């Protein structure tokens, strides 16, 4: 945060109930050297990681389904979302996080994963960087039924389906989650399951 064209004037805490919501007042120097003052709300929930589990021999993927309140409040009638496995880093590095989350949510224990890229998912309001991974799975890696950590009230359904079925769900609108769409498209472009 050493950009001389940006000067943070004030940060006001609005909420720290679940994560941190701040109101930030800052000066922004434009290309013509004039300065504008902006006020923005910024939500800091930490960084996260997500993974597409795929089986290149069976041509299948593992996805999850769970209730997401924000989608329900914004018109998703059931509030249920189909997504890749994901979670917040907490204090782990991205690779450790996604290996832990994979086992908690899907019941598959992975020993290796491959980072494909990282992205800001909603850079206008949320600080989160999301690290995206691919991981190959097979039946020998299944150690539990998954479903998420009970103390986190996740209630996750684990779904195994053909890659073609999952990819078609993007077009039909059954999959509307950006990280899931990105990872399915990555798998398609790179012929990982075709």
N, C-alpha and C. Protein backbone atom coordinates (compact mmCIF):
# COMPACT_ATOMS: atom_id res chain seq x y z
N UNK A 1 0.84 -1.18 0.00
CA UNK A 1 0.00 0.00 0.00
C UNK A 1 0.89 1.25 0.00
N UNK A 2 1.78 1.31 -0.98
CA UNK A 2 2.69 2.44 -1.08
C UNK A 2 2.46 3.26 -2.35
N UNK A 3 1.29 3.20 -2.91
CA UNK A 3 1.00 3.96 -4.12
C UNK A 3 0.82 5.43 -3.76
N UNK A 4 1.70 6.32 -4.27
CA UNK A 4 1.59 7.74 -3.89
C UNK A 4 0.34 8.42 -4.44
N UNK A 5 -0.37 7.78 -5.35
CA UNK A 5 -1.59 8.38 -5.91
C UNK A 5 -2.83 8.09 -5.04
N UNK A 6 -2.65 7.25 -4.02
CA UNK A 6 -3.77 6.88 -3.15
C UNK A 6 -3.38 7.20 -1.71
N UNK A 7 -4.24 7.95 -1.04
CA UNK A 7 -3.98 8.30 0.36
C UNK A 7 -5.23 7.97 1.17
N UNK A 8 -5.10 7.00 2.06
CA UNK A 8 -6.20 6.62 2.95
C UNK A 8 -6.36 7.72 3.99
N UNK A 9 -7.53 8.33 4.03
CA UNK A 9 -7.80 9.41 4.98
C UNK A 9 -8.37 8.89 6.29
N UNK A 10 -9.28 7.90 6.17
CA UNK A 10 -9.96 7.44 7.38
C UNK A 10 -10.54 6.05 7.12
N UNK A 11 -10.52 5.23 8.15
CA UNK A 11 -11.15 3.91 8.09
C UNK A 11 -12.05 3.79 9.31
N UNK A 12 -13.33 3.55 9.06
CA UNK A 12 -14.31 3.40 10.14
C UNK A 12 -14.85 1.98 10.14
N UNK A 13 -14.76 1.31 11.28
CA UNK A 13 -15.30 -0.03 11.42
C UNK A 13 -16.82 0.03 11.46
N UNK A 14 -17.46 -0.67 10.53
CA UNK A 14 -18.93 -0.73 10.51
C UNK A 14 -19.44 -2.00 11.19
N UNK A 15 -18.68 -3.10 11.03
CA UNK A 15 -19.09 -4.36 11.63
C UNK A 15 -17.90 -5.31 11.70
N UNK A 16 -17.85 -6.08 12.77
CA UNK A 16 -16.89 -7.19 12.85
C UNK A 16 -17.60 -8.40 13.46
N UNK A 17 -18.88 -8.52 13.14
CA UNK A 17 -19.71 -9.59 13.66
C UNK A 17 -19.29 -10.96 13.12
N UNK A 18 -19.11 -11.05 11.82
CA UNK A 18 -18.71 -12.32 11.21
C UNK A 18 -17.32 -12.18 10.64
N UNK A 19 -17.16 -11.19 9.76
CA UNK A 19 -15.85 -10.77 9.27
C UNK A 19 -15.78 -9.27 9.48
N UNK A 20 -14.98 -8.55 8.71
CA UNK A 20 -14.79 -7.12 8.97
C UNK A 20 -15.32 -6.29 7.82
N UNK A 21 -16.21 -5.34 8.14
CA UNK A 21 -16.73 -4.40 7.17
C UNK A 21 -16.29 -3.01 7.59
N UNK A 22 -15.51 -2.36 6.72
CA UNK A 22 -15.02 -1.01 6.99
C UNK A 22 -15.58 -0.03 5.97
N UNK A 23 -15.72 1.22 6.41
CA UNK A 23 -15.99 2.33 5.50
C UNK A 23 -14.67 3.07 5.37
N UNK A 24 -14.15 3.16 4.15
CA UNK A 24 -12.83 3.75 3.91
C UNK A 24 -13.00 5.03 3.09
N UNK A 25 -12.43 6.10 3.60
CA UNK A 25 -12.39 7.38 2.88
C UNK A 25 -10.96 7.55 2.38
N UNK A 26 -10.82 7.78 1.06
CA UNK A 26 -9.48 7.91 0.51
C UNK A 26 -9.45 8.94 -0.62
N UNK A 27 -8.26 9.50 -0.82
CA UNK A 27 -8.02 10.42 -1.93
C UNK A 27 -7.38 9.63 -3.06
N UNK A 28 -7.84 9.90 -4.29
CA UNK A 28 -7.33 9.21 -5.47
C UNK A 28 -6.88 10.25 -6.48
N UNK A 29 -5.59 10.22 -6.82
CA UNK A 29 -5.05 11.17 -7.79
C UNK A 29 -5.24 10.60 -9.19
N UNK A 30 -5.97 11.35 -10.02
CA UNK A 30 -6.25 10.92 -11.39
C UNK A 30 -5.05 11.21 -12.29
N UNK A 31 -5.13 10.76 -13.54
CA UNK A 31 -4.04 10.95 -14.50
C UNK A 31 -3.73 12.43 -14.75
N UNK A 32 -4.74 13.29 -14.65
CA UNK A 32 -4.50 14.72 -14.87
C UNK A 32 -4.01 15.42 -13.60
N UNK A 33 -3.67 14.62 -12.57
CA UNK A 33 -3.16 15.07 -11.28
C UNK A 33 -4.19 15.73 -10.37
N UNK A 34 -5.46 15.77 -10.77
CA UNK A 34 -6.48 16.24 -9.85
C UNK A 34 -6.77 15.12 -8.85
N UNK A 35 -7.24 15.51 -7.69
CA UNK A 35 -7.48 14.53 -6.62
C UNK A 35 -8.98 14.49 -6.33
N UNK A 36 -9.50 13.26 -6.27
CA UNK A 36 -10.90 13.05 -5.89
C UNK A 36 -10.93 12.33 -4.55
N UNK A 37 -11.92 12.64 -3.74
CA UNK A 37 -12.12 11.91 -2.50
C UNK A 37 -13.24 10.90 -2.73
N UNK A 38 -12.98 9.65 -2.34
CA UNK A 38 -13.95 8.56 -2.49
C UNK A 38 -14.27 7.98 -1.12
N UNK A 39 -15.46 7.43 -0.99
CA UNK A 39 -15.86 6.69 0.20
C UNK A 39 -16.40 5.34 -0.26
N UNK A 40 -15.83 4.27 0.25
CA UNK A 40 -16.24 2.92 -0.15
C UNK A 40 -16.37 2.04 1.09
N UNK A 41 -17.30 1.08 1.01
CA UNK A 41 -17.37 0.04 2.02
C UNK A 41 -16.58 -1.16 1.50
N UNK A 42 -15.75 -1.72 2.38
CA UNK A 42 -14.87 -2.82 1.99
C UNK A 42 -15.07 -3.95 2.99
N UNK A 43 -15.37 -5.14 2.45
CA UNK A 43 -15.61 -6.33 3.26
C UNK A 43 -14.37 -7.21 3.23
N UNK A 44 -13.80 -7.48 4.41
CA UNK A 44 -12.61 -8.32 4.50
C UNK A 44 -12.98 -9.61 5.21
N UNK A 45 -13.03 -10.68 4.44
CA UNK A 45 -13.35 -11.98 5.01
C UNK A 45 -12.18 -12.93 4.95
N UNK A 46 -11.01 -12.40 4.57
CA UNK A 46 -9.83 -13.23 4.42
C UNK A 46 -9.76 -13.80 3.01
N UNK A 47 -8.70 -14.52 2.73
CA UNK A 47 -8.51 -15.14 1.43
C UNK A 47 -9.00 -16.57 1.46
N UNK A 48 -9.23 -17.14 0.28
CA UNK A 48 -9.77 -18.49 0.21
C UNK A 48 -9.11 -19.33 -0.86
N UNK A 49 -9.54 -20.58 -0.93
CA UNK A 49 -9.05 -21.51 -1.94
C UNK A 49 -10.21 -22.37 -2.40
N UNK A 50 -10.15 -22.81 -3.65
CA UNK A 50 -11.18 -23.68 -4.22
C UNK A 50 -10.51 -24.70 -5.12
N UNK A 51 -11.18 -25.84 -5.30
CA UNK A 51 -10.59 -26.92 -6.11
C UNK A 51 -11.66 -27.65 -6.90
N UNK A 52 -11.30 -28.00 -8.13
CA UNK A 52 -12.13 -28.91 -8.91
C UNK A 52 -11.49 -30.29 -8.79
N UNK A 53 -12.22 -31.21 -8.18
CA UNK A 53 -11.79 -32.61 -8.11
C UNK A 53 -12.27 -33.30 -9.37
N UNK A 54 -11.34 -33.95 -10.07
CA UNK A 54 -11.71 -34.61 -11.33
C UNK A 54 -11.06 -35.98 -11.40
N UNK A 55 -11.72 -36.87 -12.13
CA UNK A 55 -11.19 -38.21 -12.39
C UNK A 55 -11.09 -38.33 -13.90
N UNK A 56 -9.86 -38.33 -14.41
CA UNK A 56 -9.65 -38.31 -15.86
C UNK A 56 -10.01 -39.64 -16.52
N UNK A 57 -10.00 -40.73 -15.78
CA UNK A 57 -10.34 -42.03 -16.35
C UNK A 57 -11.86 -42.20 -16.43
N UNK A 58 -12.56 -41.91 -15.32
CA UNK A 58 -14.02 -42.03 -15.31
C UNK A 58 -14.70 -40.83 -15.97
N UNK A 59 -13.94 -39.74 -16.16
CA UNK A 59 -14.47 -38.49 -16.72
C UNK A 59 -15.58 -37.91 -15.83
N UNK A 60 -15.27 -37.89 -14.51
CA UNK A 60 -16.22 -37.39 -13.52
C UNK A 60 -15.58 -36.26 -12.72
N UNK A 61 -16.44 -35.53 -12.04
CA UNK A 61 -16.01 -34.47 -11.13
C UNK A 61 -16.79 -34.59 -9.83
N UNK A 62 -16.25 -34.02 -8.78
CA UNK A 62 -16.93 -33.93 -7.49
C UNK A 62 -17.30 -32.46 -7.27
N UNK A 63 -18.58 -32.20 -7.06
CA UNK A 63 -19.06 -30.86 -6.73
C UNK A 63 -19.81 -30.94 -5.41
N UNK A 64 -20.13 -29.79 -4.85
CA UNK A 64 -20.88 -29.74 -3.61
C UNK A 64 -22.15 -28.92 -3.82
N UNK A 65 -23.12 -29.15 -2.94
CA UNK A 65 -24.35 -28.35 -2.96
C UNK A 65 -24.65 -27.95 -1.52
N UNK A 66 -24.89 -26.64 -1.35
CA UNK A 66 -25.23 -26.16 -0.01
C UNK A 66 -26.03 -24.87 -0.11
N UNK A 67 -26.70 -24.55 0.99
CA UNK A 67 -27.50 -23.33 1.08
C UNK A 67 -26.59 -22.13 1.22
N UNK A 68 -26.86 -21.08 0.42
CA UNK A 68 -26.11 -19.83 0.47
C UNK A 68 -27.10 -18.68 0.64
N UNK A 69 -27.16 -18.14 1.85
CA UNK A 69 -28.13 -17.10 2.18
C UNK A 69 -28.08 -15.90 1.23
N UNK A 70 -26.91 -15.35 0.89
CA UNK A 70 -26.91 -14.18 0.00
C UNK A 70 -27.60 -14.45 -1.34
N UNK A 71 -27.47 -15.66 -1.87
CA UNK A 71 -28.14 -15.95 -3.15
C UNK A 71 -29.66 -16.03 -2.95
N UNK A 72 -30.06 -16.57 -1.81
CA UNK A 72 -31.49 -16.65 -1.50
C UNK A 72 -32.09 -15.24 -1.40
N UNK A 73 -31.36 -14.35 -0.75
CA UNK A 73 -31.83 -12.97 -0.59
C UNK A 73 -31.84 -12.21 -1.91
N UNK A 74 -31.12 -12.73 -2.91
CA UNK A 74 -31.04 -12.07 -4.21
C UNK A 74 -31.72 -12.88 -5.32
N UNK A 75 -32.78 -13.62 -4.98
CA UNK A 75 -33.62 -14.23 -5.99
C UNK A 75 -33.45 -15.70 -6.24
N UNK A 76 -32.48 -16.38 -5.63
CA UNK A 76 -32.33 -17.82 -5.80
C UNK A 76 -33.39 -18.48 -4.91
N UNK A 77 -34.43 -19.02 -5.52
CA UNK A 77 -35.62 -19.50 -4.78
C UNK A 77 -35.31 -20.48 -3.66
N UNK A 78 -34.38 -21.40 -3.89
CA UNK A 78 -34.06 -22.38 -2.85
C UNK A 78 -32.85 -21.96 -2.02
N UNK A 79 -32.03 -21.09 -2.57
CA UNK A 79 -30.79 -20.70 -1.91
C UNK A 79 -29.68 -21.72 -2.06
N UNK A 80 -29.98 -22.84 -2.74
CA UNK A 80 -28.98 -23.90 -2.92
C UNK A 80 -28.06 -23.55 -4.09
N UNK A 81 -26.75 -23.78 -3.88
CA UNK A 81 -25.75 -23.52 -4.92
C UNK A 81 -24.91 -24.77 -5.14
N UNK A 82 -24.64 -25.04 -6.41
CA UNK A 82 -23.72 -26.12 -6.78
C UNK A 82 -22.38 -25.47 -7.03
N UNK A 83 -21.36 -25.99 -6.32
CA UNK A 83 -20.04 -25.36 -6.35
C UNK A 83 -18.93 -26.39 -6.27
N UNK A 84 -17.72 -25.95 -6.58
CA UNK A 84 -16.53 -26.74 -6.27
C UNK A 84 -16.28 -26.61 -4.77
N UNK A 85 -15.50 -27.50 -4.25
CA UNK A 85 -15.10 -27.45 -2.84
C UNK A 85 -14.27 -26.19 -2.61
N UNK A 86 -14.53 -25.49 -1.51
CA UNK A 86 -13.80 -24.24 -1.24
C UNK A 86 -13.82 -23.95 0.26
N UNK A 87 -12.92 -23.06 0.66
CA UNK A 87 -12.89 -22.65 2.05
C UNK A 87 -11.95 -21.49 2.27
N UNK A 88 -12.06 -20.88 3.43
CA UNK A 88 -11.17 -19.78 3.80
C UNK A 88 -9.83 -20.32 4.28
N UNK A 89 -8.77 -19.57 4.02
CA UNK A 89 -7.43 -20.02 4.37
C UNK A 89 -7.21 -20.12 5.87
N UNK A 90 -7.90 -19.29 6.65
CA UNK A 90 -7.60 -19.17 8.07
C UNK A 90 -6.11 -18.84 8.19
N UNK A 91 -5.33 -19.70 8.83
CA UNK A 91 -3.90 -19.41 8.94
C UNK A 91 -3.05 -20.34 8.09
N UNK A 92 -3.70 -21.16 7.26
CA UNK A 92 -2.99 -22.09 6.39
C UNK A 92 -2.51 -21.39 5.12
N UNK A 93 -1.56 -22.02 4.44
CA UNK A 93 -1.25 -21.56 3.10
C UNK A 93 -2.34 -22.13 2.18
N UNK A 94 -2.49 -21.63 0.97
CA UNK A 94 -3.59 -22.07 0.11
C UNK A 94 -3.62 -23.58 -0.14
N UNK A 95 -2.47 -24.19 -0.35
CA UNK A 95 -2.44 -25.63 -0.63
C UNK A 95 -2.89 -26.44 0.59
N UNK A 96 -2.39 -26.10 1.77
CA UNK A 96 -2.81 -26.80 2.99
C UNK A 96 -4.31 -26.63 3.21
N UNK A 97 -4.78 -25.42 2.98
CA UNK A 97 -6.20 -25.12 3.17
C UNK A 97 -7.06 -26.01 2.29
N UNK A 98 -6.74 -26.07 1.00
CA UNK A 98 -7.65 -26.78 0.09
C UNK A 98 -7.57 -28.29 0.30
N UNK A 99 -6.44 -28.80 0.74
CA UNK A 99 -6.36 -30.22 1.07
C UNK A 99 -7.24 -30.51 2.28
N UNK A 100 -7.19 -29.65 3.30
CA UNK A 100 -8.04 -29.80 4.50
C UNK A 100 -9.51 -29.69 4.14
N UNK A 101 -9.87 -28.64 3.38
CA UNK A 101 -11.27 -28.43 3.01
C UNK A 101 -11.81 -29.56 2.16
N UNK A 102 -10.99 -30.10 1.27
CA UNK A 102 -11.42 -31.22 0.42
C UNK A 102 -11.85 -32.40 1.27
N UNK A 103 -11.05 -32.73 2.26
CA UNK A 103 -11.41 -33.87 3.11
C UNK A 103 -12.66 -33.56 3.94
N UNK A 104 -12.74 -32.35 4.53
CA UNK A 104 -13.90 -31.99 5.34
C UNK A 104 -15.19 -32.01 4.52
N UNK A 105 -15.13 -31.39 3.34
CA UNK A 105 -16.36 -31.21 2.56
C UNK A 105 -16.73 -32.40 1.71
N UNK A 106 -15.74 -33.08 1.11
CA UNK A 106 -16.06 -34.14 0.15
C UNK A 106 -15.74 -35.54 0.65
N UNK A 107 -14.88 -35.64 1.67
CA UNK A 107 -14.49 -36.95 2.17
C UNK A 107 -13.31 -37.56 1.43
N UNK A 108 -12.71 -36.83 0.49
CA UNK A 108 -11.56 -37.33 -0.25
C UNK A 108 -10.27 -36.75 0.33
N UNK A 109 -9.30 -37.62 0.59
CA UNK A 109 -8.00 -37.18 1.12
C UNK A 109 -7.00 -37.13 -0.03
N UNK A 110 -6.60 -35.91 -0.37
CA UNK A 110 -5.64 -35.70 -1.44
C UNK A 110 -4.24 -35.52 -0.86
N UNK A 111 -3.24 -35.99 -1.59
CA UNK A 111 -1.87 -35.75 -1.16
C UNK A 111 -1.22 -34.65 -1.98
N UNK A 112 -1.76 -34.39 -3.16
CA UNK A 112 -1.20 -33.31 -3.98
C UNK A 112 -2.31 -32.62 -4.77
N UNK A 113 -2.11 -31.35 -4.99
CA UNK A 113 -3.02 -30.53 -5.77
C UNK A 113 -2.17 -29.63 -6.67
N UNK A 114 -2.78 -29.05 -7.68
CA UNK A 114 -2.05 -28.16 -8.59
C UNK A 114 -2.76 -26.82 -8.67
N UNK A 115 -2.04 -25.76 -8.28
CA UNK A 115 -2.60 -24.41 -8.38
C UNK A 115 -2.62 -24.01 -9.85
N UNK A 116 -3.77 -23.47 -10.30
CA UNK A 116 -3.87 -23.05 -11.69
C UNK A 116 -3.88 -21.53 -11.84
N UNK A 117 -4.47 -20.81 -10.90
CA UNK A 117 -4.40 -19.36 -10.90
C UNK A 117 -5.03 -18.81 -9.64
N UNK A 118 -4.97 -17.49 -9.49
CA UNK A 118 -5.62 -16.82 -8.37
C UNK A 118 -6.38 -15.62 -8.93
N UNK A 119 -7.45 -15.25 -8.22
CA UNK A 119 -8.32 -14.21 -8.74
C UNK A 119 -9.02 -13.45 -7.62
N UNK A 120 -9.34 -12.19 -7.89
CA UNK A 120 -10.26 -11.44 -7.04
C UNK A 120 -11.65 -11.71 -7.61
N UNK A 121 -12.59 -12.14 -6.78
CA UNK A 121 -13.92 -12.51 -7.28
C UNK A 121 -14.88 -11.33 -7.32
N UNK A 122 -14.74 -10.38 -6.44
CA UNK A 122 -15.62 -9.22 -6.41
C UNK A 122 -14.81 -8.01 -5.96
N UNK A 123 -13.88 -7.52 -6.82
CA UNK A 123 -12.90 -6.53 -6.40
C UNK A 123 -13.46 -5.15 -6.08
N UNK A 124 -14.71 -4.90 -6.39
CA UNK A 124 -15.29 -3.61 -6.07
C UNK A 124 -15.68 -3.47 -4.61
N UNK A 125 -15.78 -4.58 -3.87
CA UNK A 125 -16.24 -4.49 -2.49
C UNK A 125 -15.59 -5.49 -1.53
N UNK A 126 -14.97 -6.55 -2.05
CA UNK A 126 -14.45 -7.62 -1.21
C UNK A 126 -12.95 -7.76 -1.42
N UNK A 127 -12.19 -7.86 -0.32
CA UNK A 127 -10.73 -7.93 -0.41
C UNK A 127 -10.21 -9.30 -0.83
N UNK A 128 -11.01 -10.34 -0.73
CA UNK A 128 -10.58 -11.73 -0.90
C UNK A 128 -9.87 -12.02 -2.22
N UNK A 129 -8.73 -12.71 -2.10
CA UNK A 129 -8.08 -13.37 -3.23
C UNK A 129 -8.44 -14.84 -3.11
N UNK A 130 -8.87 -15.44 -4.22
CA UNK A 130 -9.23 -16.84 -4.24
C UNK A 130 -8.18 -17.61 -5.05
N UNK A 131 -7.55 -18.61 -4.42
CA UNK A 131 -6.55 -19.45 -5.06
C UNK A 131 -7.28 -20.67 -5.62
N UNK A 132 -7.14 -20.92 -6.91
CA UNK A 132 -7.88 -21.99 -7.58
C UNK A 132 -6.96 -23.15 -7.93
N UNK A 133 -7.43 -24.35 -7.61
CA UNK A 133 -6.64 -25.57 -7.76
C UNK A 133 -7.39 -26.62 -8.57
N UNK A 134 -6.64 -27.58 -9.09
CA UNK A 134 -7.17 -28.80 -9.68
C UNK A 134 -6.60 -29.96 -8.87
N UNK A 135 -7.40 -31.01 -8.70
CA UNK A 135 -6.92 -32.18 -7.98
C UNK A 135 -7.56 -33.43 -8.53
N UNK A 136 -6.73 -34.42 -8.84
CA UNK A 136 -7.26 -35.66 -9.38
C UNK A 136 -7.60 -36.59 -8.23
N UNK A 137 -8.75 -37.25 -8.33
CA UNK A 137 -9.20 -38.16 -7.27
C UNK A 137 -9.55 -39.51 -7.86
N UNK A 138 -9.58 -40.52 -6.99
CA UNK A 138 -10.14 -41.83 -7.34
C UNK A 138 -10.75 -42.42 -6.07
N UNK A 139 -11.42 -43.55 -6.20
CA UNK A 139 -12.18 -44.14 -5.09
C UNK A 139 -11.29 -44.49 -3.90
N UNK A 140 -10.01 -44.79 -4.12
CA UNK A 140 -9.13 -45.18 -3.01
C UNK A 140 -8.84 -44.01 -2.07
N UNK A 141 -9.13 -42.80 -2.49
CA UNK A 141 -8.86 -41.61 -1.67
C UNK A 141 -10.02 -41.25 -0.76
N UNK A 142 -11.15 -41.94 -0.90
CA UNK A 142 -12.33 -41.62 -0.10
C UNK A 142 -12.14 -42.15 1.32
N UNK A 143 -12.18 -41.24 2.32
CA UNK A 143 -11.97 -41.63 3.71
C UNK A 143 -13.20 -41.36 4.59
N UNK A 144 -14.18 -40.62 4.05
CA UNK A 144 -15.41 -40.35 4.79
C UNK A 144 -16.49 -39.90 3.81
N UNK A 145 -17.68 -39.63 4.34
CA UNK A 145 -18.77 -39.14 3.50
C UNK A 145 -18.69 -37.65 3.23
N UNK A 146 -17.79 -36.95 3.94
CA UNK A 146 -17.69 -35.50 3.75
C UNK A 146 -18.89 -34.81 4.37
N UNK A 147 -19.30 -33.71 3.78
CA UNK A 147 -20.46 -32.98 4.28
C UNK A 147 -20.11 -31.72 5.05
N UNK A 148 -18.82 -31.49 5.30
CA UNK A 148 -18.40 -30.28 5.99
C UNK A 148 -18.23 -30.50 7.48
N UNK A 149 -17.65 -29.50 8.11
CA UNK A 149 -17.42 -29.54 9.55
C UNK A 149 -18.71 -29.20 10.28
N UNK A 150 -19.11 -30.07 11.19
CA UNK A 150 -20.39 -29.87 11.91
C UNK A 150 -20.40 -28.54 12.67
N UNK A 151 -19.28 -28.19 13.31
CA UNK A 151 -19.25 -26.95 14.09
C UNK A 151 -19.37 -25.70 13.20
N UNK A 152 -19.17 -25.85 11.89
CA UNK A 152 -19.33 -24.72 10.97
C UNK A 152 -20.72 -24.69 10.34
N UNK A 153 -21.58 -25.65 10.69
CA UNK A 153 -22.96 -25.73 10.19
C UNK A 153 -23.02 -25.68 8.67
N UNK A 154 -22.16 -26.47 8.02
CA UNK A 154 -22.07 -26.41 6.56
C UNK A 154 -23.16 -27.20 5.84
N UNK A 155 -23.51 -28.40 6.31
CA UNK A 155 -24.58 -29.19 5.69
C UNK A 155 -24.40 -29.32 4.17
N UNK A 156 -23.27 -29.89 3.77
CA UNK A 156 -22.90 -29.97 2.36
C UNK A 156 -23.28 -31.32 1.78
N UNK A 157 -23.93 -31.29 0.62
CA UNK A 157 -24.19 -32.51 -0.15
C UNK A 157 -23.04 -32.68 -1.13
N UNK A 158 -22.49 -33.89 -1.20
CA UNK A 158 -21.41 -34.20 -2.13
C UNK A 158 -22.02 -34.83 -3.37
N UNK A 159 -21.63 -34.32 -4.54
CA UNK A 159 -22.21 -34.77 -5.79
C UNK A 159 -21.10 -35.24 -6.74
N UNK A 160 -21.17 -36.48 -7.16
CA UNK A 160 -20.25 -36.95 -8.21
C UNK A 160 -21.05 -37.07 -9.49
N UNK A 161 -20.54 -36.52 -10.57
CA UNK A 161 -21.26 -36.56 -11.84
C UNK A 161 -20.27 -36.54 -12.98
N UNK A 162 -20.77 -36.84 -14.16
CA UNK A 162 -19.89 -36.79 -15.33
C UNK A 162 -19.48 -35.34 -15.58
N UNK A 163 -18.28 -35.19 -16.13
CA UNK A 163 -17.82 -33.84 -16.46
C UNK A 163 -18.77 -33.18 -17.44
N UNK A 164 -19.24 -33.93 -18.44
CA UNK A 164 -20.15 -33.35 -19.44
C UNK A 164 -21.43 -32.84 -18.80
N UNK A 165 -21.97 -33.59 -17.83
CA UNK A 165 -23.18 -33.15 -17.12
C UNK A 165 -22.91 -31.86 -16.35
N UNK A 166 -21.78 -31.80 -15.65
CA UNK A 166 -21.44 -30.60 -14.89
C UNK A 166 -21.24 -29.41 -15.81
N UNK A 167 -20.54 -29.62 -16.90
CA UNK A 167 -20.27 -28.51 -17.82
C UNK A 167 -21.57 -27.99 -18.44
N UNK A 168 -22.50 -28.89 -18.75
CA UNK A 168 -23.79 -28.49 -19.31
C UNK A 168 -24.61 -27.68 -18.31
N UNK A 169 -24.38 -27.88 -17.02
CA UNK A 169 -25.11 -27.14 -15.99
C UNK A 169 -24.78 -25.65 -15.99
N UNK A 170 -23.66 -25.28 -16.59
CA UNK A 170 -23.35 -23.86 -16.74
C UNK A 170 -24.36 -23.23 -17.69
N UNK A 171 -24.56 -23.87 -18.84
CA UNK A 171 -25.47 -23.33 -19.85
C UNK A 171 -26.92 -23.30 -19.38
N UNK A 172 -27.33 -24.32 -18.63
CA UNK A 172 -28.71 -24.37 -18.17
C UNK A 172 -28.96 -23.46 -16.97
N UNK A 173 -27.90 -22.93 -16.37
CA UNK A 173 -28.05 -22.05 -15.22
C UNK A 173 -28.12 -22.77 -13.90
N UNK A 174 -27.92 -24.08 -13.89
CA UNK A 174 -27.90 -24.81 -12.61
C UNK A 174 -26.63 -24.52 -11.84
N UNK A 175 -25.56 -24.17 -12.55
CA UNK A 175 -24.33 -23.72 -11.91
C UNK A 175 -24.18 -22.24 -12.23
N UNK A 176 -24.19 -21.42 -11.18
CA UNK A 176 -24.06 -19.97 -11.32
C UNK A 176 -22.89 -19.41 -10.53
N UNK A 177 -22.13 -20.27 -9.92
CA UNK A 177 -21.01 -19.86 -9.08
C UNK A 177 -19.77 -19.62 -9.94
N UNK A 178 -19.17 -18.43 -9.82
CA UNK A 178 -18.07 -18.03 -10.70
C UNK A 178 -16.85 -18.93 -10.57
N UNK A 179 -16.45 -19.28 -9.35
CA UNK A 179 -15.25 -20.11 -9.20
C UNK A 179 -15.44 -21.48 -9.83
N UNK A 180 -16.65 -22.00 -9.73
CA UNK A 180 -16.96 -23.30 -10.32
C UNK A 180 -16.93 -23.22 -11.84
N UNK A 181 -17.51 -22.18 -12.38
CA UNK A 181 -17.51 -21.99 -13.83
C UNK A 181 -16.07 -21.86 -14.34
N UNK A 182 -15.25 -21.06 -13.65
CA UNK A 182 -13.85 -20.89 -14.06
C UNK A 182 -13.10 -22.22 -14.08
N UNK A 183 -13.26 -23.01 -13.03
CA UNK A 183 -12.52 -24.27 -12.96
C UNK A 183 -13.04 -25.30 -13.95
N UNK A 184 -14.34 -25.36 -14.17
CA UNK A 184 -14.87 -26.28 -15.19
C UNK A 184 -14.38 -25.87 -16.58
N UNK A 185 -14.36 -24.58 -16.85
CA UNK A 185 -13.86 -24.11 -18.15
C UNK A 185 -12.37 -24.41 -18.29
N UNK A 186 -11.61 -24.24 -17.21
CA UNK A 186 -10.18 -24.57 -17.25
C UNK A 186 -9.99 -26.05 -17.60
N UNK A 187 -10.77 -26.92 -16.97
CA UNK A 187 -10.67 -28.36 -17.23
C UNK A 187 -11.02 -28.66 -18.69
N UNK A 188 -12.03 -27.99 -19.21
CA UNK A 188 -12.44 -28.20 -20.60
C UNK A 188 -11.36 -27.73 -21.57
N UNK A 189 -10.86 -26.52 -21.37
CA UNK A 189 -9.84 -25.95 -22.26
C UNK A 189 -8.58 -26.79 -22.27
N UNK A 190 -8.22 -27.34 -21.12
CA UNK A 190 -6.99 -28.12 -21.00
C UNK A 190 -7.20 -29.63 -21.15
N UNK A 191 -8.39 -30.04 -21.58
CA UNK A 191 -8.71 -31.44 -21.85
C UNK A 191 -8.35 -32.38 -20.70
N UNK A 192 -8.66 -31.98 -19.49
CA UNK A 192 -8.32 -32.79 -18.33
C UNK A 192 -9.25 -33.98 -18.13
N UNK A 193 -10.47 -33.89 -18.62
CA UNK A 193 -11.43 -34.98 -18.40
C UNK A 193 -12.16 -35.38 -19.68
N UNK A 194 -11.61 -35.04 -20.83
CA UNK A 194 -12.32 -35.40 -22.07
C UNK A 194 -11.58 -36.47 -22.83
